[in-house]
């Protein structure tokens, strides 16, 4: 969905923890970047214990640079670092005779 040059971009910025999620809708000028959207979202003040400047970012599940120009309807996602590599988690479960799909 292309925005007209004079229309603001309507986008969302989201950051989530396992027990809490914040989604911030924003209206930004055309030409705004992912980094500018994150700054405008004020999510850093909502999550002061996280350094959001060091987190990876993406748009609709696709990793991007913070310099990426936004388009109408984009959803900027801030990815927190994984606590354990999923491959290592599967190996540890397999060593115990378990799998990620089975309880117990």
N, C-alpha and C. Protein backbone atom coordinates (compact mmCIF):
# COMPACT_ATOMS: atom_id res chain seq x y z
N UNK A 1 0.84 -1.16 0.00
CA UNK A 1 0.00 0.00 0.00
C UNK A 1 0.90 1.24 0.00
N UNK A 2 0.90 1.98 -1.08
CA UNK A 2 1.74 3.17 -1.21
C UNK A 2 1.03 4.38 -0.60
N UNK A 3 1.79 5.20 0.09
CA UNK A 3 1.23 6.44 0.64
C UNK A 3 1.45 7.56 -0.37
N UNK A 4 0.53 8.48 -0.42
CA UNK A 4 0.74 9.68 -1.23
C UNK A 4 1.80 10.51 -0.55
N UNK A 5 2.58 11.29 -1.30
CA UNK A 5 3.67 12.05 -0.69
C UNK A 5 3.27 12.89 0.51
N UNK A 6 2.06 13.45 0.53
CA UNK A 6 1.66 14.32 1.64
C UNK A 6 1.04 13.53 2.80
N UNK A 7 0.67 12.29 2.57
CA UNK A 7 0.05 11.49 3.62
C UNK A 7 1.10 10.94 4.57
N UNK A 8 0.82 10.96 5.88
CA UNK A 8 1.76 10.33 6.81
C UNK A 8 1.68 8.81 6.69
N UNK A 9 2.76 8.17 7.06
CA UNK A 9 2.79 6.71 7.11
C UNK A 9 2.12 6.25 8.40
N UNK A 10 1.28 5.27 8.32
CA UNK A 10 0.69 4.64 9.50
C UNK A 10 1.39 3.30 9.67
N UNK A 11 2.16 3.18 10.76
CA UNK A 11 2.93 1.97 11.01
C UNK A 11 2.74 1.57 12.47
N UNK A 12 3.30 0.41 12.83
CA UNK A 12 3.29 -0.05 14.22
C UNK A 12 4.71 -0.45 14.61
N UNK A 13 5.02 -0.26 15.88
CA UNK A 13 6.28 -0.74 16.43
C UNK A 13 5.93 -1.64 17.60
N UNK A 14 6.55 -2.83 17.66
CA UNK A 14 6.21 -3.79 18.70
C UNK A 14 7.46 -4.38 19.34
N UNK A 15 7.36 -4.59 20.66
CA UNK A 15 8.39 -5.29 21.42
C UNK A 15 7.67 -6.18 22.40
N UNK A 16 8.12 -7.43 22.53
CA UNK A 16 7.42 -8.37 23.40
C UNK A 16 8.39 -9.18 24.25
N UNK A 17 7.96 -9.43 25.46
CA UNK A 17 8.61 -10.37 26.37
C UNK A 17 7.66 -11.55 26.51
N UNK A 18 8.06 -12.58 27.21
CA UNK A 18 7.17 -13.75 27.35
C UNK A 18 5.89 -13.41 28.11
N UNK A 19 5.91 -12.39 28.95
CA UNK A 19 4.74 -12.06 29.75
C UNK A 19 4.16 -10.67 29.49
N UNK A 20 4.73 -9.96 28.52
CA UNK A 20 4.28 -8.58 28.28
C UNK A 20 4.59 -8.18 26.85
N UNK A 21 3.66 -7.45 26.23
CA UNK A 21 3.86 -6.97 24.87
C UNK A 21 3.39 -5.53 24.77
N UNK A 22 4.12 -4.74 24.04
CA UNK A 22 3.69 -3.36 23.78
C UNK A 22 3.68 -3.15 22.27
N UNK A 23 2.56 -2.65 21.75
CA UNK A 23 2.42 -2.32 20.35
C UNK A 23 2.05 -0.85 20.26
N UNK A 24 2.86 -0.08 19.55
CA UNK A 24 2.65 1.36 19.47
C UNK A 24 2.33 1.76 18.03
N UNK A 25 1.11 2.22 17.77
CA UNK A 25 0.81 2.74 16.44
C UNK A 25 1.38 4.15 16.29
N UNK A 26 1.95 4.43 15.12
CA UNK A 26 2.56 5.73 14.87
C UNK A 26 2.14 6.27 13.51
N UNK A 27 2.17 7.59 13.40
CA UNK A 27 2.03 8.28 12.11
C UNK A 27 3.33 9.05 11.92
N UNK A 28 4.04 8.72 10.85
CA UNK A 28 5.34 9.33 10.58
C UNK A 28 5.36 9.91 9.18
N UNK A 29 6.28 10.83 8.95
CA UNK A 29 6.45 11.42 7.63
C UNK A 29 7.03 10.40 6.67
N UNK A 30 6.68 10.54 5.40
CA UNK A 30 7.28 9.69 4.37
C UNK A 30 8.79 9.83 4.44
N UNK A 31 9.49 8.75 4.22
CA UNK A 31 10.94 8.76 4.29
C UNK A 31 11.49 8.41 5.66
N UNK A 32 10.61 8.20 6.64
CA UNK A 32 11.05 7.83 7.99
C UNK A 32 11.69 6.43 7.95
N UNK A 33 12.63 6.22 8.86
CA UNK A 33 13.34 4.95 8.92
C UNK A 33 12.87 4.10 10.10
N UNK A 34 13.29 2.85 10.08
CA UNK A 34 12.99 1.95 11.19
C UNK A 34 13.53 2.53 12.50
N UNK A 35 14.76 3.02 12.48
CA UNK A 35 15.37 3.60 13.68
C UNK A 35 14.59 4.78 14.21
N UNK A 36 14.11 5.63 13.32
CA UNK A 36 13.31 6.79 13.74
C UNK A 36 11.98 6.34 14.35
N UNK A 37 11.39 5.31 13.77
CA UNK A 37 10.13 4.79 14.30
C UNK A 37 10.32 4.25 15.71
N UNK A 38 11.40 3.51 15.92
CA UNK A 38 11.67 2.96 17.25
C UNK A 38 11.86 4.09 18.26
N UNK A 39 12.60 5.11 17.86
CA UNK A 39 12.82 6.26 18.75
C UNK A 39 11.50 6.96 19.07
N UNK A 40 10.67 7.18 18.06
CA UNK A 40 9.39 7.86 18.25
C UNK A 40 8.42 7.03 19.09
N UNK A 41 8.57 5.71 19.07
CA UNK A 41 7.65 4.84 19.81
C UNK A 41 7.78 4.97 21.32
N UNK A 42 8.93 5.46 21.80
CA UNK A 42 9.22 5.59 23.23
C UNK A 42 9.20 4.25 23.96
N UNK A 43 9.40 3.16 23.23
CA UNK A 43 9.41 1.85 23.88
C UNK A 43 10.60 1.68 24.81
N UNK A 44 11.70 2.40 24.55
CA UNK A 44 12.84 2.29 25.45
C UNK A 44 12.47 2.71 26.87
N UNK A 45 11.63 3.73 27.00
CA UNK A 45 11.22 4.14 28.35
C UNK A 45 10.23 3.15 28.97
N UNK A 46 9.50 2.40 28.13
CA UNK A 46 8.58 1.38 28.65
C UNK A 46 9.33 0.12 29.09
N UNK A 47 10.54 -0.08 28.54
CA UNK A 47 11.36 -1.24 28.86
C UNK A 47 12.78 -0.78 29.22
N UNK A 48 12.93 -0.03 30.31
CA UNK A 48 14.25 0.55 30.62
C UNK A 48 15.32 -0.50 30.92
N UNK A 49 14.91 -1.71 31.28
CA UNK A 49 15.88 -2.77 31.59
C UNK A 49 16.49 -3.38 30.32
N UNK A 50 15.96 -3.05 29.16
CA UNK A 50 16.45 -3.56 27.88
C UNK A 50 17.15 -2.45 27.11
N UNK A 51 18.26 -2.77 26.46
CA UNK A 51 18.91 -1.82 25.57
C UNK A 51 18.39 -2.09 24.17
N UNK A 52 17.30 -1.45 23.81
CA UNK A 52 16.66 -1.70 22.52
C UNK A 52 17.54 -1.27 21.35
N UNK A 53 18.50 -0.41 21.60
CA UNK A 53 19.43 0.01 20.56
C UNK A 53 20.35 -1.11 20.10
N UNK A 54 20.48 -2.16 20.90
CA UNK A 54 21.34 -3.29 20.54
C UNK A 54 20.55 -4.48 20.00
N UNK A 55 19.23 -4.40 20.05
CA UNK A 55 18.40 -5.52 19.60
C UNK A 55 18.28 -5.52 18.08
N UNK A 56 18.18 -6.71 17.52
CA UNK A 56 17.91 -6.83 16.09
C UNK A 56 16.50 -6.33 15.81
N UNK A 57 16.26 -5.92 14.57
CA UNK A 57 14.95 -5.40 14.19
C UNK A 57 14.51 -6.01 12.87
N UNK A 58 13.21 -5.95 12.63
CA UNK A 58 12.67 -6.46 11.38
C UNK A 58 11.36 -5.80 11.05
N UNK A 59 10.89 -6.09 9.85
CA UNK A 59 9.57 -5.64 9.40
C UNK A 59 8.82 -6.89 8.97
N UNK A 60 7.70 -7.14 9.62
CA UNK A 60 6.88 -8.31 9.33
C UNK A 60 7.70 -9.59 9.28
N UNK A 61 8.58 -9.78 10.27
CA UNK A 61 9.33 -11.03 10.39
C UNK A 61 10.58 -11.13 9.53
N UNK A 62 10.88 -10.09 8.77
CA UNK A 62 12.08 -10.09 7.92
C UNK A 62 13.11 -9.14 8.51
N UNK A 63 14.29 -9.64 8.87
CA UNK A 63 15.31 -8.76 9.44
C UNK A 63 15.68 -7.62 8.49
N UNK A 64 15.83 -6.42 9.05
CA UNK A 64 16.21 -5.24 8.27
C UNK A 64 17.20 -4.40 9.08
N UNK A 65 17.82 -3.46 8.42
CA UNK A 65 18.69 -2.49 9.09
C UNK A 65 17.82 -1.36 9.63
N UNK A 66 18.34 -0.66 10.62
CA UNK A 66 17.60 0.48 11.18
C UNK A 66 17.48 1.64 10.20
N UNK A 67 18.30 1.63 9.16
CA UNK A 67 18.24 2.68 8.15
C UNK A 67 17.19 2.40 7.07
N UNK A 68 16.52 1.27 7.16
CA UNK A 68 15.49 0.89 6.18
C UNK A 68 14.37 1.93 6.18
N UNK A 69 13.99 2.39 4.99
CA UNK A 69 12.89 3.34 4.84
C UNK A 69 11.57 2.58 5.00
N UNK A 70 10.68 3.14 5.76
CA UNK A 70 9.38 2.51 6.03
C UNK A 70 8.39 2.74 4.91
N UNK A 71 7.45 1.81 4.81
CA UNK A 71 6.34 1.93 3.86
C UNK A 71 5.03 1.88 4.64
N UNK A 72 3.98 2.35 4.01
CA UNK A 72 2.65 2.36 4.62
C UNK A 72 2.29 0.97 5.13
N UNK A 73 1.83 0.89 6.38
CA UNK A 73 1.36 -0.36 6.95
C UNK A 73 2.44 -1.26 7.53
N UNK A 74 3.69 -0.84 7.52
CA UNK A 74 4.77 -1.68 8.06
C UNK A 74 4.57 -1.92 9.55
N UNK A 75 5.01 -3.08 10.00
CA UNK A 75 5.04 -3.42 11.43
C UNK A 75 6.50 -3.63 11.79
N UNK A 76 7.07 -2.69 12.53
CA UNK A 76 8.46 -2.78 12.97
C UNK A 76 8.51 -3.64 14.22
N UNK A 77 9.35 -4.67 14.19
CA UNK A 77 9.48 -5.59 15.31
C UNK A 77 10.88 -5.49 15.89
N UNK A 78 10.96 -5.38 17.20
CA UNK A 78 12.24 -5.34 17.91
C UNK A 78 12.42 -6.72 18.52
N UNK A 79 13.51 -7.39 18.12
CA UNK A 79 13.74 -8.77 18.55
C UNK A 79 14.69 -8.80 19.73
N UNK A 80 14.25 -9.40 20.83
CA UNK A 80 15.15 -9.56 21.97
C UNK A 80 16.06 -10.76 21.72
N UNK A 81 17.24 -10.76 22.29
CA UNK A 81 18.15 -11.89 22.09
C UNK A 81 17.56 -13.17 22.69
N UNK A 82 17.84 -14.28 22.04
CA UNK A 82 17.41 -15.57 22.57
C UNK A 82 18.23 -15.92 23.80
N UNK A 83 17.57 -16.52 24.79
CA UNK A 83 18.30 -16.94 25.99
C UNK A 83 19.10 -18.20 25.73
N UNK A 84 18.61 -19.03 24.82
CA UNK A 84 19.32 -20.25 24.45
C UNK A 84 19.05 -20.51 22.97
N UNK A 85 20.07 -20.95 22.27
CA UNK A 85 19.94 -21.29 20.86
C UNK A 85 18.94 -22.45 20.74
N UNK A 86 17.94 -22.36 19.87
CA UNK A 86 16.94 -23.43 19.74
C UNK A 86 17.56 -24.79 19.43
N UNK A 87 18.64 -24.80 18.67
CA UNK A 87 19.30 -26.09 18.37
C UNK A 87 19.88 -26.70 19.63
N UNK A 88 20.45 -25.85 20.50
CA UNK A 88 20.99 -26.36 21.76
C UNK A 88 19.88 -26.87 22.67
N UNK A 89 18.74 -26.18 22.67
CA UNK A 89 17.60 -26.62 23.48
C UNK A 89 17.12 -27.99 23.03
N UNK A 90 17.04 -28.21 21.69
CA UNK A 90 16.62 -29.51 21.17
C UNK A 90 17.63 -30.60 21.54
N UNK A 91 18.91 -30.29 21.44
CA UNK A 91 19.95 -31.27 21.81
C UNK A 91 19.84 -31.66 23.28
N UNK A 92 19.62 -30.67 24.14
CA UNK A 92 19.51 -30.95 25.57
C UNK A 92 18.29 -31.82 25.86
N UNK A 93 17.17 -31.53 25.20
CA UNK A 93 15.98 -32.35 25.39
C UNK A 93 16.20 -33.77 24.86
N UNK A 94 16.84 -33.88 23.71
CA UNK A 94 17.09 -35.20 23.12
C UNK A 94 17.97 -36.02 24.04
N UNK A 95 18.94 -35.39 24.68
CA UNK A 95 19.82 -36.10 25.62
C UNK A 95 19.04 -36.66 26.80
N UNK A 96 17.89 -36.03 27.10
CA UNK A 96 17.04 -36.50 28.20
C UNK A 96 15.93 -37.42 27.69
N UNK A 97 15.94 -37.74 26.39
CA UNK A 97 14.91 -38.60 25.82
C UNK A 97 13.60 -37.90 25.58
N UNK A 98 13.62 -36.57 25.47
CA UNK A 98 12.41 -35.78 25.28
C UNK A 98 12.48 -35.07 23.94
N UNK A 99 11.35 -34.49 23.52
CA UNK A 99 11.34 -33.65 22.33
C UNK A 99 10.56 -32.39 22.65
N UNK A 100 10.69 -31.38 21.80
CA UNK A 100 10.02 -30.11 22.04
C UNK A 100 8.50 -30.23 21.87
N UNK A 101 8.04 -31.25 21.15
CA UNK A 101 6.61 -31.39 20.91
C UNK A 101 5.88 -32.22 21.94
N UNK A 102 6.62 -32.92 22.80
CA UNK A 102 5.97 -33.81 23.78
C UNK A 102 6.09 -33.25 25.18
N UNK A 103 4.99 -33.19 25.92
CA UNK A 103 5.10 -32.76 27.33
C UNK A 103 5.77 -33.84 28.17
N UNK A 104 6.35 -33.40 29.28
CA UNK A 104 6.92 -34.34 30.23
C UNK A 104 8.26 -34.78 29.83
